[in-house]
PDB file of N, CA and C in Angstrom:
ATOM      1  N   MET A   1     -78.250  64.883  44.325  1.00  0.00           N
ATOM      2  CA  MET A   1     -77.473  63.751  44.684  1.00  0.00           C
ATOM      3  C   MET A   1     -77.258  64.747  46.299  1.00  0.00           C
ATOM      4  N   GLU A   2     -76.953  63.954  47.417  1.00  0.00           N
ATOM      5  CA  GLU A   2     -76.679  63.911  48.616  1.00  0.00           C
ATOM      6  C   GLU A   2     -75.203  64.854  49.001  1.00  0.00           C
ATOM      7  N   ASP A   3     -73.962  64.621  48.134  1.00  0.00           N
ATOM      8  CA  ASP A   3     -72.789  65.382  48.591  1.00  0.00           C
ATOM      9  C   ASP A   3     -72.073  65.574  47.437  1.00  0.00           C
ATOM     10  N   HIS A   4     -71.097  66.107  47.403  1.00  0.00           N
ATOM     11  CA  HIS A   4     -70.006  66.457  46.410  1.00  0.00           C
ATOM     12  C   HIS A   4     -69.381  65.314  45.610  1.00  0.00           C
ATOM     13  N   LYS A   5     -69.126  64.317  46.610  1.00  0.00           N
ATOM     14  CA  LYS A   5     -68.397  63.164  46.062  1.00  0.00           C
ATOM     15  C   LYS A   5     -69.318  62.521  45.105  1.00  0.00           C
ATOM     16  N   THR A   6     -70.605  62.573  45.571  1.00  0.00           N
ATOM     17  CA  THR A   6     -71.517  61.792  44.765  1.00  0.00           C
ATOM     18  C   THR A   6     -71.612  62.296  43.417  1.00  0.00           C
ATOM     19  N   ARG A   7     -71.607  63.372  43.346  1.00  0.00           N
ATOM     20  CA  ARG A   7     -72.020  64.244  42.181  1.00  0.00           C
ATOM     21  C   ARG A   7     -70.863  64.560  41.175  1.00  0.00           C
ATOM     22  N   PHE A   8     -69.463  64.517  41.997  1.00  0.00           N
ATOM     23  CA  PHE A   8     -68.486  64.228  40.989  1.00  0.00           C
ATOM     24  C   PHE A   8     -68.380  62.775  40.190  1.00  0.00           C
ATOM     25  N   TRP A   9     -68.689  61.701  41.303  1.00  0.00           N
ATOM     26  CA  TRP A   9     -68.552  60.486  40.592  1.00  0.00           C
ATOM     27  C   TRP A   9     -69.389  60.115  39.486  1.00  0.00           C
ATOM     28  N   PHE A  10     -70.893  60.791  39.316  1.00  0.00           N
ATOM     29  CA  PHE A  10     -71.848  61.063  38.440  1.00  0.00           C
ATOM     30  C   PHE A  10     -71.177  61.672  37.292  1.00  0.00           C
ATOM     31  N   VAL A  11     -70.826  62.591  37.745  1.00  0.00           N
ATOM     32  CA  VAL A  11     -70.295  63.217  36.473  1.00  0.00           C
ATOM     33  C   VAL A  11     -69.423  62.831  35.568  1.00  0.00           C
ATOM     34  N   GLN A  12     -68.452  62.202  36.215  1.00  0.00           N
ATOM     35  CA  GLN A  12     -67.392  61.679  36.101  1.00  0.00           C
ATOM     36  C   GLN A  12     -67.314  60.412  35.058  1.00  0.00           C
ATOM     37  N   SER A  13     -68.759  59.984  35.355  1.00  0.00           N
ATOM     38  CA  SER A  13     -68.667  58.153  35.259  1.00  0.00           C
ATOM     39  C   SER A  13     -70.008  58.524  33.968  1.00  0.00           C
ATOM     40  N   THR A  14     -70.828  59.156  33.858  1.00  0.00           N
ATOM     41  CA  THR A  14     -71.626  59.688  32.852  1.00  0.00           C
ATOM     42  C   THR A  14     -71.229  59.759  31.839  1.00  0.00           C
ATOM     43  N   LYS A  15     -71.719  59.178  30.223  1.00  0.00           N
ATOM     44  CA  LYS A  15     -71.121  59.632  28.999  1.00  0.00           C
ATOM     45  C   LYS A  15     -71.226  60.874  29.049  1.00  0.00           C
ATOM     46  N   GLU A  16     -72.614  60.927  28.820  1.00  0.00           N
ATOM     47  CA  GLU A  16     -72.652  62.637  28.341  1.00  0.00           C
ATOM     48  C   GLU A  16     -72.195  63.623  29.342  1.00  0.00           C
ATOM     49  N   LEU A  17     -71.847  63.291  30.124  1.00  0.00           N
ATOM     50  CA  LEU A  17     -71.385  64.586  31.208  1.00  0.00           C
ATOM     51  C   LEU A  17     -69.646  64.863  31.534  1.00  0.00           C
ATOM     52  N   LYS A  18     -69.084  63.504  31.067  1.00  0.00           N
ATOM     53  CA  LYS A  18     -68.262  63.464  31.455  1.00  0.00           C
ATOM     54  C   LYS A  18     -67.310  64.359  30.683  1.00  0.00           C
ATOM     55  N   PRO A  19     -67.528  64.974  29.761  1.00  0.00           N
ATOM     56  CA  PRO A  19     -66.642  66.008  28.544  1.00  0.00           C
ATOM     57  C   PRO A  19     -66.541  67.273  29.509  1.00  0.00           C
ATOM     58  N   VAL A  20     -67.491  67.065  30.617  1.00  0.00           N
ATOM     59  CA  VAL A  20     -67.485  68.970  31.098  1.00  0.00           C
ATOM     60  C   VAL A  20     -67.200  68.448  32.844  1.00  0.00           C
ATOM     61  N   TYR A  21     -66.419  67.557  33.082  1.00  0.00           N
ATOM     62  CA  TYR A  21     -65.915  66.721  34.545  1.00  0.00           C
ATOM     63  C   TYR A  21     -65.151  68.234  34.954  1.00  0.00           C
ATOM     64  N   GLY A  22     -63.964  68.269  34.066  1.00  0.00           N
ATOM     65  CA  GLY A  22     -62.923  69.314  33.897  1.00  0.00           C
ATOM     66  C   GLY A  22     -63.465  70.631  34.738  1.00  0.00           C
ATOM     67  N   ASP A  23     -64.630  71.192  34.238  1.00  0.00           N
ATOM     68  CA  ASP A  23     -65.197  72.289  34.119  1.00  0.00           C
ATOM     69  C   ASP A  23     -65.586  72.462  35.693  1.00  0.00           C
ATOM     70  N   TYR A  24     -66.892  71.010  35.779  1.00  0.00           N
ATOM     71  CA  TYR A  24     -67.348  70.887  36.501  1.00  0.00           C
ATOM     72  C   TYR A  24     -66.242  71.247  37.820  1.00  0.00           C
ATOM     73  N   ARG A  25     -65.247  70.883  38.069  1.00  0.00           N
ATOM     74  CA  ARG A  25     -64.343  70.579  39.089  1.00  0.00           C
ATOM     75  C   ARG A  25     -63.895  72.375  39.111  1.00  0.00           C
ATOM     76  N   ALA A  26     -63.726  72.540  38.063  1.00  0.00           N
ATOM     77  CA  ALA A  26     -62.730  74.029  38.646  1.00  0.00           C
ATOM     78  C   ALA A  26     -63.937  74.772  39.342  1.00  0.00           C
ATOM     79  N   LEU A  27     -65.275  74.625  38.421  1.00  0.00           N
ATOM     80  CA  LEU A  27     -65.731  75.590  39.457  1.00  0.00           C
ATOM     81  C   LEU A  27     -66.260  75.427  40.782  1.00  0.00           C
ATOM     82  N   TYR A  28     -66.244  73.705  41.148  1.00  0.00           N
ATOM     83  CA  TYR A  28     -66.232  73.545  42.586  1.00  0.00           C
ATOM     84  C   TYR A  28     -65.042  74.238  43.300  1.00  0.00           C
ATOM     85  N   ASP A  29     -64.002  74.178  42.904  1.00  0.00           N
ATOM     86  CA  ASP A  29     -62.862  74.340  43.394  1.00  0.00           C
ATOM     87  C   ASP A  29     -62.828  76.161  43.503  1.00  0.00           C
ATOM     88  N   TYR A  30     -63.004  76.687  42.347  1.00  0.00           N
ATOM     89  CA  TYR A  30     -63.614  78.236  42.538  1.00  0.00           C
ATOM     90  C   TYR A  30     -64.310  78.846  43.968  1.00  0.00           C
ATOM     91  N   SER A  31     -65.289  77.599  43.747  1.00  0.00           N
ATOM     92  CA  SER A  31     -66.318  78.002  45.586  1.00  0.00           C
ATOM     93  C   SER A  31     -65.820  77.668  46.646  1.00  0.00           C
ATOM     94  N   VAL A  32     -64.685  76.888  46.607  1.00  0.00           N
ATOM     95  CA  VAL A  32     -64.524  76.359  47.869  1.00  0.00           C
ATOM     96  C   VAL A  32     -63.359  77.270  48.171  1.00  0.00           C
ATOM     97  N   ASN A  33     -62.456  77.874  47.158  1.00  0.00           N
ATOM     98  CA  ASN A  33     -62.008  78.714  47.723  1.00  0.00           C
ATOM     99  C   ASN A  33     -62.310  80.575  47.835  1.00  0.00           C
ATOM    100  N   ALA A  34     -63.358  80.608  47.343  1.00  0.00           N
ATOM    101  CA  ALA A  34     -64.221  81.926  47.684  1.00  0.00           C
ATOM    102  C   ALA A  34     -64.680  81.631  49.518  1.00  0.00           C
ATOM    103  N   ARG A  35     -65.412  80.446  49.441  1.00  0.00           N
ATOM    104  CA  ARG A  35     -66.387  80.292  50.731  1.00  0.00           C
ATOM    105  C   ARG A  35     -65.218  80.009  52.033  1.00  0.00           C
ATOM    106  N   TYR A  36     -64.346  78.991  51.505  1.00  0.00           N
ATOM    107  CA  TYR A  36     -63.645  78.658  53.025  1.00  0.00           C
ATOM    108  C   TYR A  36     -62.471  78.770  52.852  1.00  0.00           C
ATOM    109  N   LYS A  37     -61.781  79.125  51.890  1.00  0.00           N
ATOM    110  CA  LYS A  37     -60.425  80.205  52.003  1.00  0.00           C
ATOM    111  C   LYS A  37     -60.264  81.786  52.009  1.00  0.00           C
ATOM    112  N   MET A  38     -61.576  82.091  51.663  1.00  0.00           N
ATOM    113  CA  MET A  38     -61.476  83.489  51.903  1.00  0.00           C
ATOM    114  C   MET A  38     -61.034  84.479  50.439  1.00  0.00           C
ATOM    115  N   LEU A  39     -60.569  83.277  49.622  1.00  0.00           N
ATOM    116  CA  LEU A  39     -59.748  84.061  48.384  1.00  0.00           C
ATOM    117  C   LEU A  39     -60.619  85.252  47.509  1.00  0.00           C
ATOM    118  N   GLU A  40     -59.856  86.422  47.235  1.00  0.00           N
ATOM    119  CA  GLU A  40     -60.732  87.184  46.542  1.00  0.00           C
ATOM    120  C   GLU A  40     -60.332  87.097  44.984  1.00  0.00           C
ATOM    121  N   PHE A  41     -61.698  87.501  44.097  1.00  0.00           N
ATOM    122  CA  PHE A  41     -61.360  87.194  43.245  1.00  0.00           C
ATOM    123  C   PHE A  41     -61.832  88.783  42.272  1.00  0.00           C
ATOM    124  N   ASN A  42     -60.603  88.894  41.389  1.00  0.00           N
ATOM    125  CA  ASN A  42     -61.321  90.164  40.332  1.00  0.00           C
ATOM    126  C   ASN A  42     -62.310  89.643  39.443  1.00  0.00           C
ATOM    127  N   VAL A  43     -62.938  90.799  38.669  1.00  0.00           N
ATOM    128  CA  VAL A  43     -64.150  91.002  38.140  1.00  0.00           C
ATOM    129  C   VAL A  43     -63.643  90.108  36.675  1.00  0.00           C
ATOM    130  N   GLU A  44     -62.016  90.299  36.687  1.00  0.00           N
ATOM    131  CA  GLU A  44     -61.770  89.376  35.553  1.00  0.00           C
ATOM    132  C   GLU A  44     -61.630  88.125  35.136  1.00  0.00           C
ATOM    133  N   SER A  45     -61.005  87.811  36.664  1.00  0.00           N
ATOM    134  CA  SER A  45     -61.155  86.486  37.202  1.00  0.00           C
ATOM    135  C   SER A  45     -61.897  85.870  36.887  1.00  0.00           C
ATOM    136  N   LEU A  46     -63.563  86.077  37.447  1.00  0.00           N
ATOM    137  CA  LEU A  46     -64.388  85.653  37.526  1.00  0.00           C
ATOM    138  C   LEU A  46     -65.227  85.625  36.414  1.00  0.00           C
ATOM    139  N   ASN A  47     -64.755  86.395  35.406  1.00  0.00           N
ATOM    140  CA  ASN A  47     -65.417  86.919  33.891  1.00  0.00           C
ATOM    141  C   ASN A  47     -64.999  85.153  32.822  1.00  0.00           C
ATOM    142  N   ASP A  48     -63.666  85.191  33.250  1.00  0.00           N
ATOM    143  CA  ASP A  48     -62.955  83.973  32.707  1.00  0.00           C
ATOM    144  C   ASP A  48     -63.745  82.702  32.999  1.00  0.00           C
ATOM    145  N   SER A  49     -63.506  82.648  34.474  1.00  0.00           N
ATOM    146  CA  SER A  49     -64.389  81.585  34.753  1.00  0.00           C
ATOM    147  C   SER A  49     -65.750  80.705  34.214  1.00  0.00           C
ATOM    148  N   TYR A  50     -66.237  82.476  34.132  1.00  0.00           N
ATOM    149  CA  TYR A  50     -67.766  82.198  33.714  1.00  0.00           C
ATOM    150  C   TYR A  50     -67.690  81.540  32.043  1.00  0.00           C
ATOM    151  N   ASP A  51     -66.529  82.221  31.334  1.00  0.00           N
ATOM    152  CA  ASP A  51     -66.461  81.748  30.258  1.00  0.00           C
ATOM    153  C   ASP A  51     -66.068  80.349  29.764  1.00  0.00           C
ATOM    154  N   SER A  52     -64.763  80.304  30.574  1.00  0.00           N
ATOM    155  CA  SER A  52     -64.125  79.010  30.783  1.00  0.00           C
ATOM    156  C   SER A  52     -64.725  77.424  30.802  1.00  0.00           C
ATOM    157  N   PHE A  53     -65.723  77.660  32.156  1.00  0.00           N
ATOM    158  CA  PHE A  53     -66.083  76.608  33.052  1.00  0.00           C
ATOM    159  C   PHE A  53     -67.590  76.588  32.835  1.00  0.00           C
ATOM    160  N   TYR A  54     -68.127  77.698  33.153  1.00  0.00           N
ATOM    161  CA  TYR A  54     -69.924  77.431  33.430  1.00  0.00           C
ATOM    162  C   TYR A  54     -70.331  77.200  32.069  1.00  0.00           C
ATOM    163  N   LEU A  55     -69.952  78.270  31.434  1.00  0.00           N
ATOM    164  CA  LEU A  55     -70.874  78.106  29.649  1.00  0.00           C
ATOM    165  C   LEU A  55     -70.851  76.810  28.957  1.00  0.00           C
ATOM    166  N   PRO A  56     -69.344  76.365  29.180  1.00  0.00           N
ATOM    167  CA  PRO A  56     -69.419  74.580  28.770  1.00  0.00           C
ATOM    168  C   PRO A  56     -70.365  73.859  29.198  1.00  0.00           C
ATOM    169  N   ILE A  57     -70.558  73.898  30.722  1.00  0.00           N
ATOM    170  CA  ILE A  57     -71.776  72.844  31.072  1.00  0.00           C
ATOM    171  C   ILE A  57     -73.026  73.057  30.734  1.00  0.00           C
ATOM    172  N   LYS A  58     -73.418  74.964  30.846  1.00  0.00           N
ATOM    173  CA  LYS A  58     -74.240  75.249  30.352  1.00  0.00           C
ATOM    174  C   LYS A  58     -74.951  74.496  29.012  1.00  0.00           C
ATOM    175  N   LYS A  59     -74.037  74.588  27.950  1.00  0.00           N
ATOM    176  CA  LYS A  59     -74.136  74.410  26.482  1.00  0.00           C
ATOM    177  C   LYS A  59     -74.078  73.027  27.017  1.00  0.00           C
ATOM    178  N   ARG A  60     -73.998  71.981  26.921  1.00  0.00           N
ATOM    179  CA  ARG A  60     -73.395  70.612  26.873  1.00  0.00           C
ATOM    180  C   ARG A  60     -75.286  69.898  27.932  1.00  0.00           C
ATOM    181  N   ILE A  61     -75.649  70.863  28.579  1.00  0.00           N
ATOM    182  CA  ILE A  61     -76.753  70.444  29.674  1.00  0.00           C
ATOM    183  C   ILE A  61     -77.790  70.954  28.587  1.00  0.00           C
ATOM    184  N   LEU A  62     -77.552  72.146  28.204  1.00  0.00           N
ATOM    185  CA  LEU A  62     -78.692  72.611  27.408  1.00  0.00           C
ATOM    186  C   LEU A  62     -79.045  71.216  25.663  1.00  0.00           C
ATOM    187  N   LYS A  63     -77.849  71.011  25.606  1.00  0.00           N
ATOM    188  CA  LYS A  63     -77.798  69.931  24.426  1.00  0.00           C
ATOM    189  C   LYS A  63     -78.494  68.781  24.793  1.00  0.00           C
ATOM    190  N   LEU A  64     -78.180  68.309  26.191  1.00  0.00           N
ATOM    191  CA  LEU A  64     -79.066  67.567  26.163  1.00  0.00           C
ATOM    192  C   LEU A  64     -80.323  67.146  26.576  1.00  0.00           C
ATOM    193  N   ILE A  65     -80.994  68.667  26.771  1.00  0.00           N
ATOM    194  CA  ILE A  65     -82.290  68.857  27.323  1.00  0.00           C
ATOM    195  C   ILE A  65     -82.898  68.643  25.766  1.00  0.00           C
ATOM    196  N   GLU A  66     -81.939  69.263  25.052  1.00  0.00           N
ATOM    197  CA  GLU A  66     -83.140  69.527  23.629  1.00  0.00           C
ATOM    198  C   GLU A  66     -83.146  68.572  22.840  1.00  0.00           C
ATOM    199  N   LYS A  67     -82.187  66.925  23.156  1.00  0.00           N
ATOM    200  CA  LYS A  67     -82.532  65.706  22.336  1.00  0.00           C
ATOM    201  C   LYS A  67     -83.380  65.029  22.836  1.00  0.00           C
ATOM    202  N   LYS A  68     -83.973  65.116  24.312  1.00  0.00           N
ATOM    203  CA  LYS A  68     -85.189  64.960  24.773  1.00  0.00           C
ATOM    204  C   LYS A  68     -86.699  65.084  23.829  1.00  0.00           C
TER     205      LYS A  68
END
């Protein structure tokens, strides 16, 4: 997919991915804050975001792959 707007729409409107849209959006916001706003994150914050946002997305996608 070519841009973030399209990806957001796809994740939010796809039945199988919709449950992790909030996590996807949170990771996107973290990346924007790090890259463009130059906010610093401590290790604890990064670990929390990994556990809270990344892992649920990974688990969901792995389940979808296993179903095929």
